[in-house]
PDB file of N, CA and C in Angstrom:
ATOM      1  N   UNK A   1      97.729 125.314  76.852  1.00  0.00           N
ATOM      2  CA  UNK A   1      98.387 124.146  77.450  1.00  0.00           C
ATOM      3  C   UNK A   1      97.391 123.443  78.329  1.00  0.00           C
ATOM      4  N   UNK A   2      97.289 122.117  78.176  1.00  0.00           N
ATOM      5  CA  UNK A   2      96.273 121.412  78.911  1.00  0.00           C
ATOM      6  C   UNK A   2      96.800 120.639  80.111  1.00  0.00           C
ATOM      7  N   UNK A   3      98.024 120.164  80.090  1.00  0.00           N
ATOM      8  CA  UNK A   3      98.558 119.373  81.205  1.00  0.00           C
ATOM      9  C   UNK A   3     100.059 119.434  81.252  1.00  0.00           C
ATOM     10  N   UNK A   4     100.607 119.320  82.432  1.00  0.00           N
ATOM     11  CA  UNK A   4     102.061 119.163  82.610  1.00  0.00           C
ATOM     12  C   UNK A   4     102.251 117.865  83.375  1.00  0.00           C
ATOM     13  N   UNK A   5     103.207 117.046  82.928  1.00  0.00           N
ATOM     14  CA  UNK A   5     103.508 115.826  83.575  1.00  0.00           C
ATOM     15  C   UNK A   5     104.973 115.790  83.888  1.00  0.00           C
ATOM     16  N   UNK A   6     105.313 115.579  85.160  1.00  0.00           N
ATOM     17  CA  UNK A   6     106.709 115.468  85.578  1.00  0.00           C
ATOM     18  C   UNK A   6     107.093 114.001  85.639  1.00  0.00           C
ATOM     19  N   UNK A   7     108.150 113.624  84.918  1.00  0.00           N
ATOM     20  CA  UNK A   7     108.511 112.171  84.795  1.00  0.00           C
ATOM     21  C   UNK A   7     110.008 111.957  85.021  1.00  0.00           C
ATOM     22  N   UNK A   8     110.306 110.691  85.324  1.00  0.00           N
ATOM     23  CA  UNK A   8     111.692 110.214  85.430  1.00  0.00           C
ATOM     24  C   UNK A   8     111.805 108.953  84.592  1.00  0.00           C
ATOM     25  N   UNK A   9     112.899 108.831  83.812  1.00  0.00           N
ATOM     26  CA  UNK A   9     113.155 107.646  82.984  1.00  0.00           C
ATOM     27  C   UNK A   9     114.411 106.964  83.515  1.00  0.00           C
ATOM     28  N   UNK A  10     114.310 105.660  83.639  1.00  0.00           N
ATOM     29  CA  UNK A  10     115.453 104.818  84.081  1.00  0.00           C
ATOM     30  C   UNK A  10     116.361 104.618  82.829  1.00  0.00           C
ATOM     31  N   UNK A  11     117.431 105.386  82.727  1.00  0.00           N
ATOM     32  CA  UNK A  11     118.273 105.344  81.556  1.00  0.00           C
ATOM     33  C   UNK A  11     119.031 104.020  81.413  1.00  0.00           C
ATOM     34  N   UNK A  12     119.117 103.261  82.503  1.00  0.00           N
ATOM     35  CA  UNK A  12     119.805 101.965  82.402  1.00  0.00           C
ATOM     36  C   UNK A  12     118.992 100.980  81.531  1.00  0.00           C
ATOM     37  N   UNK A  13     117.699 101.286  81.281  1.00  0.00           N
ATOM     38  CA  UNK A  13     116.877 100.429  80.430  1.00  0.00           C
ATOM     39  C   UNK A  13     116.906 100.842  78.974  1.00  0.00           C
ATOM     40  N   UNK A  14     117.611 101.958  78.674  1.00  0.00           N
ATOM     41  CA  UNK A  14     117.659 102.484  77.333  1.00  0.00           C
ATOM     42  C   UNK A  14     119.002 102.121  76.696  1.00  0.00           C
ATOM     43  N   UNK A  15     118.938 101.255  75.680  1.00  0.00           N
ATOM     44  CA  UNK A  15     120.163 100.905  74.934  1.00  0.00           C
ATOM     45  C   UNK A  15     120.103 101.537  73.554  1.00  0.00           C
ATOM     46  N   UNK A  16     121.234 101.574  72.907  1.00  0.00           N
ATOM     47  CA  UNK A  16     121.291 102.181  71.587  1.00  0.00           C
ATOM     48  C   UNK A  16     120.392 101.506  70.593  1.00  0.00           C
ATOM     49  N   UNK A  17     120.140 100.194  70.801  1.00  0.00           N
ATOM     50  CA  UNK A  17     119.301  99.418  69.888  1.00  0.00           C
ATOM     51  C   UNK A  17     117.855  99.846  69.867  1.00  0.00           C
ATOM     52  N   UNK A  18     117.365 100.542  70.895  1.00  0.00           N
ATOM     53  CA  UNK A  18     115.975 100.971  70.898  1.00  0.00           C
ATOM     54  C   UNK A  18     115.786 102.379  70.362  1.00  0.00           C
ATOM     55  N   UNK A  19     116.886 103.040  70.027  1.00  0.00           N
ATOM     56  CA  UNK A  19     116.790 104.383  69.515  1.00  0.00           C
ATOM     57  C   UNK A  19     116.456 104.417  68.018  1.00  0.00           C
ATOM     58  N   UNK A  20     115.483 105.184  67.625  1.00  0.00           N
ATOM     59  CA  UNK A  20     115.096 105.346  66.240  1.00  0.00           C
ATOM     60  C   UNK A  20     116.084 106.269  65.593  1.00  0.00           C
ATOM     61  N   UNK A  21     116.638 105.862  64.469  1.00  0.00           N
ATOM     62  CA  UNK A  21     117.648 106.657  63.748  1.00  0.00           C
ATOM     63  C   UNK A  21     118.857 106.926  64.621  1.00  0.00           C
ATOM     64  N   UNK A  22     119.087 106.091  65.650  1.00  0.00           N
ATOM     65  CA  UNK A  22     120.250 106.216  66.509  1.00  0.00           C
ATOM     66  C   UNK A  22     120.164 107.357  67.500  1.00  0.00           C
ATOM     67  N   UNK A  23     119.072 108.163  67.544  1.00  0.00           N
ATOM     68  CA  UNK A  23     119.006 109.264  68.454  1.00  0.00           C
ATOM     69  C   UNK A  23     117.634 109.569  69.046  1.00  0.00           C
ATOM     70  N   UNK A  24     116.583 108.991  68.561  1.00  0.00           N
ATOM     71  CA  UNK A  24     115.205 109.270  69.096  1.00  0.00           C
ATOM     72  C   UNK A  24     114.682 108.109  69.924  1.00  0.00           C
ATOM     73  N   UNK A  25     114.233 108.384  71.109  1.00  0.00           N
ATOM     74  CA  UNK A  25     113.667 107.402  71.964  1.00  0.00           C
ATOM     75  C   UNK A  25     112.139 107.492  71.857  1.00  0.00           C
ATOM     76  N   UNK A  26     111.495 106.491  71.290  1.00  0.00           N
ATOM     77  CA  UNK A  26     110.058 106.497  71.081  1.00  0.00           C
ATOM     78  C   UNK A  26     109.445 105.947  72.373  1.00  0.00           C
ATOM     79  N   UNK A  27     108.710 106.826  73.107  1.00  0.00           N
ATOM     80  CA  UNK A  27     108.057 106.409  74.350  1.00  0.00           C
ATOM     81  C   UNK A  27     106.586 106.725  74.305  1.00  0.00           C
ATOM     82  N   UNK A  28     105.845 106.108  75.198  1.00  0.00           N
ATOM     83  CA  UNK A  28     104.446 106.406  75.394  1.00  0.00           C
ATOM     84  C   UNK A  28     104.238 106.681  76.869  1.00  0.00           C
ATOM     85  N   UNK A  29     103.471 107.713  77.187  1.00  0.00           N
ATOM     86  CA  UNK A  29     103.155 108.030  78.574  1.00  0.00           C
ATOM     87  C   UNK A  29     101.679 107.775  78.768  1.00  0.00           C
ATOM     88  N   UNK A  30     101.369 106.902  79.749  1.00  0.00           N
ATOM     89  CA  UNK A  30      99.977 106.604  80.060  1.00  0.00           C
ATOM     90  C   UNK A  30      99.596 107.311  81.372  1.00  0.00           C
ATOM     91  N   UNK A  31      98.540 108.107  81.349  1.00  0.00           N
ATOM     92  CA  UNK A  31      98.090 108.785  82.541  1.00  0.00           C
ATOM     93  C   UNK A  31      96.921 107.942  83.080  1.00  0.00           C
ATOM     94  N   UNK A  32      97.022 107.541  84.340  1.00  0.00           N
ATOM     95  CA  UNK A  32      96.069 106.673  84.980  1.00  0.00           C
ATOM     96  C   UNK A  32      95.051 107.480  85.823  1.00  0.00           C
ATOM     97  N   UNK A  33      93.867 106.896  86.049  1.00  0.00           N
ATOM     98  CA  UNK A  33      92.867 107.536  86.839  1.00  0.00           C
ATOM     99  C   UNK A  33      93.192 107.489  88.343  1.00  0.00           C
ATOM    100  N   UNK A  34      93.972 106.534  88.759  1.00  0.00           N
ATOM    101  CA  UNK A  34      94.308 106.359  90.208  1.00  0.00           C
ATOM    102  C   UNK A  34      95.771 106.738  90.426  1.00  0.00           C
ATOM    103  N   UNK A  35      96.053 107.267  91.621  1.00  0.00           N
ATOM    104  CA  UNK A  35      97.424 107.578  92.014  1.00  0.00           C
ATOM    105  C   UNK A  35      97.896 106.423  92.912  1.00  0.00           C
ATOM    106  N   UNK A  36      99.121 105.967  92.637  1.00  0.00           N
ATOM    107  CA  UNK A  36      99.726 104.912  93.445  1.00  0.00           C
ATOM    108  C   UNK A  36     101.168 105.319  93.730  1.00  0.00           C
ATOM    109  N   UNK A  37     101.561 105.339  94.983  1.00  0.00           N
ATOM    110  CA  UNK A  37     102.927 105.736  95.373  1.00  0.00           C
ATOM    111  C   UNK A  37     103.302 107.125  94.855  1.00  0.00           C
ATOM    112  N   UNK A  38     102.322 108.052  94.868  1.00  0.00           N
ATOM    113  CA  UNK A  38     102.505 109.426  94.445  1.00  0.00           C
ATOM    114  C   UNK A  38     102.716 109.570  92.901  1.00  0.00           C
ATOM    115  N   UNK A  39     102.362 108.540  92.135  1.00  0.00           N
ATOM    116  CA  UNK A  39     102.510 108.603  90.674  1.00  0.00           C
ATOM    117  C   UNK A  39     101.167 108.186  90.045  1.00  0.00           C
ATOM    118  N   UNK A  40     100.884 108.866  88.949  1.00  0.00           N
ATOM    119  CA  UNK A  40      99.688 108.472  88.166  1.00  0.00           C
ATOM    120  C   UNK A  40      99.985 108.429  86.668  1.00  0.00           C
ATOM    121  N   UNK A  41     101.298 108.323  86.320  1.00  0.00           N
ATOM    122  CA  UNK A  41     101.684 108.201  84.938  1.00  0.00           C
ATOM    123  C   UNK A  41     102.796 107.154  84.804  1.00  0.00           C
ATOM    124  N   UNK A  42     102.680 106.336  83.772  1.00  0.00           N
ATOM    125  CA  UNK A  42     103.697 105.321  83.482  1.00  0.00           C
ATOM    126  C   UNK A  42     104.321 105.620  82.133  1.00  0.00           C
ATOM    127  N   UNK A  43     105.606 105.342  82.017  1.00  0.00           N
ATOM    128  CA  UNK A  43     106.340 105.584  80.764  1.00  0.00           C
ATOM    129  C   UNK A  43     106.849 104.216  80.272  1.00  0.00           C
ATOM    130  N   UNK A  44     106.596 103.962  79.001  1.00  0.00           N
ATOM    131  CA  UNK A  44     107.115 102.689  78.437  1.00  0.00           C
ATOM    132  C   UNK A  44     107.524 102.885  77.000  1.00  0.00           C
ATOM    133  N   UNK A  45     108.328 101.958  76.503  1.00  0.00           N
ATOM    134  CA  UNK A  45     108.752 102.045  75.106  1.00  0.00           C
ATOM    135  C   UNK A  45     107.493 101.927  74.229  1.00  0.00           C
ATOM    136  N   UNK A  46     107.397 102.758  73.191  1.00  0.00           N
ATOM    137  CA  UNK A  46     106.274 102.665  72.276  1.00  0.00           C
ATOM    138  C   UNK A  46     106.290 101.323  71.595  1.00  0.00           C
ATOM    139  N   UNK A  47     105.092 100.818  71.302  1.00  0.00           N
ATOM    140  CA  UNK A  47     104.952  99.530  70.624  1.00  0.00           C
ATOM    141  C   UNK A  47     104.348  99.697  69.257  1.00  0.00           C
ATOM    142  N   UNK A  48     104.710  98.774  68.362  1.00  0.00           N
ATOM    143  CA  UNK A  48     104.074  98.753  67.045  1.00  0.00           C
ATOM    144  C   UNK A  48     102.661  98.181  67.189  1.00  0.00           C
ATOM    145  N   UNK A  49     101.846  98.406  66.169  1.00  0.00           N
ATOM    146  CA  UNK A  49     100.489  97.876  66.200  1.00  0.00           C
ATOM    147  C   UNK A  49     100.512  96.348  66.297  1.00  0.00           C
ATOM    148  N   UNK A  50     101.501  95.734  65.632  1.00  0.00           N
ATOM    149  CA  UNK A  50     101.626  94.284  65.639  1.00  0.00           C
ATOM    150  C   UNK A  50     101.976  93.791  67.085  1.00  0.00           C
ATOM    151  N   UNK A  51     102.851  94.503  67.746  1.00  0.00           N
ATOM    152  CA  UNK A  51     103.171  94.133  69.117  1.00  0.00           C
ATOM    153  C   UNK A  51     101.959  94.266  70.066  1.00  0.00           C
ATOM    154  N   UNK A  52     101.230  95.332  69.925  1.00  0.00           N
ATOM    155  CA  UNK A  52     100.046  95.540  70.755  1.00  0.00           C
ATOM    156  C   UNK A  52      99.022  94.463  70.497  1.00  0.00           C
ATOM    157  N   UNK A  53      98.743  94.209  69.199  1.00  0.00           N
ATOM    158  CA  UNK A  53      97.711  93.191  68.859  1.00  0.00           C
ATOM    159  C   UNK A  53      98.202  91.808  69.207  1.00  0.00           C
ATOM    160  N   UNK A  54      99.529  91.565  69.218  1.00  0.00           N
ATOM    161  CA  UNK A  54     100.098  90.271  69.566  1.00  0.00           C
ATOM    162  C   UNK A  54     100.212  90.017  71.027  1.00  0.00           C
ATOM    163  N   UNK A  55      99.863  90.981  71.850  1.00  0.00           N
ATOM    164  CA  UNK A  55      99.908  90.822  73.297  1.00  0.00           C
ATOM    165  C   UNK A  55     101.294  90.913  73.903  1.00  0.00           C
ATOM    166  N   UNK A  56     102.230  91.533  73.189  1.00  0.00           N
ATOM    167  CA  UNK A  56     103.590  91.701  73.758  1.00  0.00           C
ATOM    168  C   UNK A  56     103.489  92.653  74.928  1.00  0.00           C
ATOM    169  N   UNK A  57     104.093  92.263  76.070  1.00  0.00           N
ATOM    170  CA  UNK A  57     104.022  93.054  77.281  1.00  0.00           C
ATOM    171  C   UNK A  57     104.767  94.387  77.109  1.00  0.00           C
ATOM    172  N   UNK A  58     104.247  95.436  77.702  1.00  0.00           N
ATOM    173  CA  UNK A  58     104.900  96.744  77.715  1.00  0.00           C
ATOM    174  C   UNK A  58     106.174  96.639  78.541  1.00  0.00           C
ATOM    175  N   UNK A  59     107.221  97.378  78.153  1.00  0.00           N
ATOM    176  CA  UNK A  59     108.399  97.456  78.955  1.00  0.00           C
ATOM    177  C   UNK A  59     108.494  98.824  79.594  1.00  0.00           C
ATOM    178  N   UNK A  60     108.121  98.886  80.860  1.00  0.00           N
ATOM    179  CA  UNK A  60     108.078 100.151  81.587  1.00  0.00           C
ATOM    180  C   UNK A  60     109.510 100.639  81.889  1.00  0.00           C
ATOM    181  N   UNK A  61     109.740 101.937  81.674  1.00  0.00           N
ATOM    182  CA  UNK A  61     111.040 102.514  81.907  1.00  0.00           C
ATOM    183  C   UNK A  61     111.038 103.702  82.838  1.00  0.00           C
ATOM    184  N   UNK A  62     109.855 104.041  83.359  1.00  0.00           N
ATOM    185  CA  UNK A  62     109.782 105.160  84.302  1.00  0.00           C
ATOM    186  C   UNK A  62     108.369 105.421  84.716  1.00  0.00           C
ATOM    187  N   UNK A  63     108.245 106.485  85.502  1.00  0.00           N
ATOM    188  CA  UNK A  63     106.914 106.880  85.996  1.00  0.00           C
ATOM    189  C   UNK A  63     106.896 108.393  86.232  1.00  0.00           C
ATOM    190  N   UNK A  64     105.735 108.904  86.512  1.00  0.00           N
ATOM    191  CA  UNK A  64     105.606 110.322  86.753  1.00  0.00           C
ATOM    192  C   UNK A  64     104.237 110.640  87.342  1.00  0.00           C
ATOM    193  N   UNK A  65     103.960 111.915  87.348  1.00  0.00           N
ATOM    194  CA  UNK A  65     102.647 112.354  87.891  1.00  0.00           C
ATOM    195  C   UNK A  65     102.251 113.648  87.206  1.00  0.00           C
ATOM    196  N   UNK A  66     100.950 113.784  87.063  1.00  0.00           N
ATOM    197  CA  UNK A  66     100.423 115.039  86.527  1.00  0.00           C
ATOM    198  C   UNK A  66     100.593 116.087  87.594  1.00  0.00           C
ATOM    199  N   UNK A  67     101.247 117.221  87.209  1.00  0.00           N
ATOM    200  CA  UNK A  67     101.474 118.276  88.210  1.00  0.00           C
ATOM    201  C   UNK A  67     100.592 119.486  87.959  1.00  0.00           C
ATOM    202  N   UNK A  68      99.921 119.556  86.833  1.00  0.00           N
ATOM    203  CA  UNK A  68      99.008 120.623  86.544  1.00  0.00           C
ATOM    204  C   UNK A  68      98.127 120.220  85.375  1.00  0.00           C
ATOM    205  N   UNK A  69      96.881 120.603  85.387  1.00  0.00           N
ATOM    206  CA  UNK A  69      95.979 120.397  84.241  1.00  0.00           C
ATOM    207  C   UNK A  69      94.866 121.392  84.284  1.00  0.00           C
ATOM    208  N   UNK A  70      94.387 121.738  83.083  1.00  0.00           N
ATOM    209  CA  UNK A  70      93.186 122.600  83.028  1.00  0.00           C
ATOM    210  C   UNK A  70      91.981 121.706  82.713  1.00  0.00           C
ATOM    211  N   UNK A  71      92.181 120.416  82.673  1.00  0.00           N
ATOM    212  CA  UNK A  71      91.114 119.465  82.398  1.00  0.00           C
ATOM    213  C   UNK A  71      90.731 119.301  80.946  1.00  0.00           C
ATOM    214  N   UNK A  72      91.491 119.937  80.082  1.00  0.00           N
ATOM    215  CA  UNK A  72      91.191 119.858  78.644  1.00  0.00           C
ATOM    216  C   UNK A  72      92.353 119.252  77.891  1.00  0.00           C
ATOM    217  N   UNK A  73      92.329 117.967  77.757  1.00  0.00           N
ATOM    218  CA  UNK A  73      93.396 117.264  76.999  1.00  0.00           C
ATOM    219  C   UNK A  73      92.751 116.836  75.681  1.00  0.00           C
ATOM    220  N   UNK A  74      93.407 117.151  74.559  1.00  0.00           N
ATOM    221  CA  UNK A  74      92.807 116.783  73.273  1.00  0.00           C
ATOM    222  C   UNK A  74      93.770 115.900  72.525  1.00  0.00           C
ATOM    223  N   UNK A  75      93.233 115.124  71.600  1.00  0.00           N
ATOM    224  CA  UNK A  75      94.031 114.233  70.763  1.00  0.00           C
ATOM    225  C   UNK A  75      94.689 115.047  69.662  1.00  0.00           C
ATOM    226  N   UNK A  76      95.950 114.756  69.400  1.00  0.00           N
ATOM    227  CA  UNK A  76      96.696 115.492  68.342  1.00  0.00           C
ATOM    228  C   UNK A  76      96.131 115.116  66.957  1.00  0.00           C
ATOM    229  N   UNK A  77      96.182 116.076  66.071  1.00  0.00           N
ATOM    230  CA  UNK A  77      95.749 115.809  64.693  1.00  0.00           C
ATOM    231  C   UNK A  77      96.760 114.843  64.053  1.00  0.00           C
ATOM    232  N   UNK A  78      96.326 113.959  63.174  1.00  0.00           N
ATOM    233  CA  UNK A  78      97.277 113.041  62.504  1.00  0.00           C
ATOM    234  C   UNK A  78      98.233 113.817  61.634  1.00  0.00           C
ATOM    235  N   UNK A  79      99.478 113.348  61.582  1.00  0.00           N
ATOM    236  CA  UNK A  79     100.513 113.987  60.761  1.00  0.00           C
ATOM    237  C   UNK A  79     100.462 113.332  59.379  1.00  0.00           C
ATOM    238  N   UNK A  80     100.443 114.161  58.364  1.00  0.00           N
ATOM    239  CA  UNK A  80     100.487 113.652  57.009  1.00  0.00           C
ATOM    240  C   UNK A  80     101.900 113.829  56.503  1.00  0.00           C
ATOM    241  N   UNK A  81     102.509 112.728  56.111  1.00  0.00           N
ATOM    242  CA  UNK A  81     103.884 112.760  55.625  1.00  0.00           C
ATOM    243  C   UNK A  81     103.997 113.546  54.332  1.00  0.00           C
ATOM    244  N   UNK A  82     105.043 114.302  54.216  1.00  0.00           N
ATOM    245  CA  UNK A  82     105.285 115.078  52.993  1.00  0.00           C
ATOM    246  C   UNK A  82     106.227 114.269  52.122  1.00  0.00           C
ATOM    247  N   UNK A  83     105.830 114.030  50.877  1.00  0.00           N
ATOM    248  CA  UNK A  83     106.655 113.258  49.961  1.00  0.00           C
ATOM    249  C   UNK A  83     107.897 114.044  49.670  1.00  0.00           C
ATOM    250  N   UNK A  84     109.065 113.395  49.769  1.00  0.00           N
ATOM    251  CA  UNK A  84     110.304 114.087  49.498  1.00  0.00           C
ATOM    252  C   UNK A  84     110.504 114.192  48.000  1.00  0.00           C
ATOM    253  N   UNK A  85     110.553 115.432  47.563  1.00  0.00           N
ATOM    254  CA  UNK A  85     110.823 115.723  46.149  1.00  0.00           C
ATOM    255  C   UNK A  85     112.064 116.617  46.154  1.00  0.00           C
ATOM    256  N   UNK A  86     112.675 116.806  44.981  1.00  0.00           N
ATOM    257  CA  UNK A  86     113.819 117.705  44.944  1.00  0.00           C
ATOM    258  C   UNK A  86     113.549 119.088  45.573  1.00  0.00           C
ATOM    259  N   UNK A  87     112.305 119.546  45.483  1.00  0.00           N
ATOM    260  CA  UNK A  87     111.947 120.875  45.995  1.00  0.00           C
ATOM    261  C   UNK A  87     111.819 120.879  47.540  1.00  0.00           C
ATOM    262  N   UNK A  88     111.503 119.704  48.139  1.00  0.00           N
ATOM    263  CA  UNK A  88     111.285 119.648  49.599  1.00  0.00           C
ATOM    264  C   UNK A  88     112.399 118.923  50.329  1.00  0.00           C
ATOM    265  N   UNK A  89     113.248 118.187  49.592  1.00  0.00           N
ATOM    266  CA  UNK A  89     114.261 117.388  50.259  1.00  0.00           C
ATOM    267  C   UNK A  89     115.229 118.286  51.043  1.00  0.00           C
ATOM    268  N   UNK A  90     115.433 117.956  52.309  1.00  0.00           N
ATOM    269  CA  UNK A  90     116.382 118.720  53.130  1.00  0.00           C
ATOM    270  C   UNK A  90     115.809 119.947  53.736  1.00  0.00           C
ATOM    271  N   UNK A  91     114.562 120.343  53.391  1.00  0.00           N
ATOM    272  CA  UNK A  91     113.946 121.541  53.969  1.00  0.00           C
ATOM    273  C   UNK A  91     113.196 121.142  55.258  1.00  0.00           C
ATOM    274  N   UNK A  92     113.204 122.044  56.199  1.00  0.00           N
ATOM    275  CA  UNK A  92     112.486 121.828  57.445  1.00  0.00           C
ATOM    276  C   UNK A  92     111.059 122.223  57.281  1.00  0.00           C
ATOM    277  N   UNK A  93     110.148 121.494  57.958  1.00  0.00           N
ATOM    278  CA  UNK A  93     108.717 121.849  57.907  1.00  0.00           C
ATOM    279  C   UNK A  93     108.510 123.095  58.796  1.00  0.00           C
ATOM    280  N   UNK A  94     107.549 123.931  58.465  1.00  0.00           N
ATOM    281  CA  UNK A  94     107.282 125.070  59.295  1.00  0.00           C
ATOM    282  C   UNK A  94     106.754 124.652  60.632  1.00  0.00           C
ATOM    283  N   UNK A  95     107.036 125.431  61.681  1.00  0.00           N
ATOM    284  CA  UNK A  95     106.588 125.136  63.029  1.00  0.00           C
ATOM    285  C   UNK A  95     105.097 125.423  63.128  1.00  0.00           C
ATOM    286  N   UNK A  96     104.386 124.630  63.895  1.00  0.00           N
ATOM    287  CA  UNK A  96     102.950 124.842  64.116  1.00  0.00           C
ATOM    288  C   UNK A  96     102.730 126.095  64.949  1.00  0.00           C
ATOM    289  N   UNK A  97     101.679 126.815  64.691  1.00  0.00           N
ATOM    290  CA  UNK A  97     101.414 128.025  65.451  1.00  0.00           C
ATOM    291  C   UNK A  97     100.422 127.721  66.565  1.00  0.00           C
TER     292      UNK A  97
END
């Protein structure tokens, strides 16, 4: 484990229309180099590539702070989608070890 971040989300900013598949909230957490008002992390709705490239402003919904780190944060490996076939449809993917 490389870091723990304690966060709070303003649920009044979350409407059903922003939920993916009606139940998943896609968020992004940005960890900043500077601490301001005891926080160094911002939480906002995830944006599409088109929104980012089009300059659409981030909608912040919360903040937080790093509460522990070993200084080793790594980028996650890209996920390769599994094509749904009759053999895989409805089956759960194995958990990562």
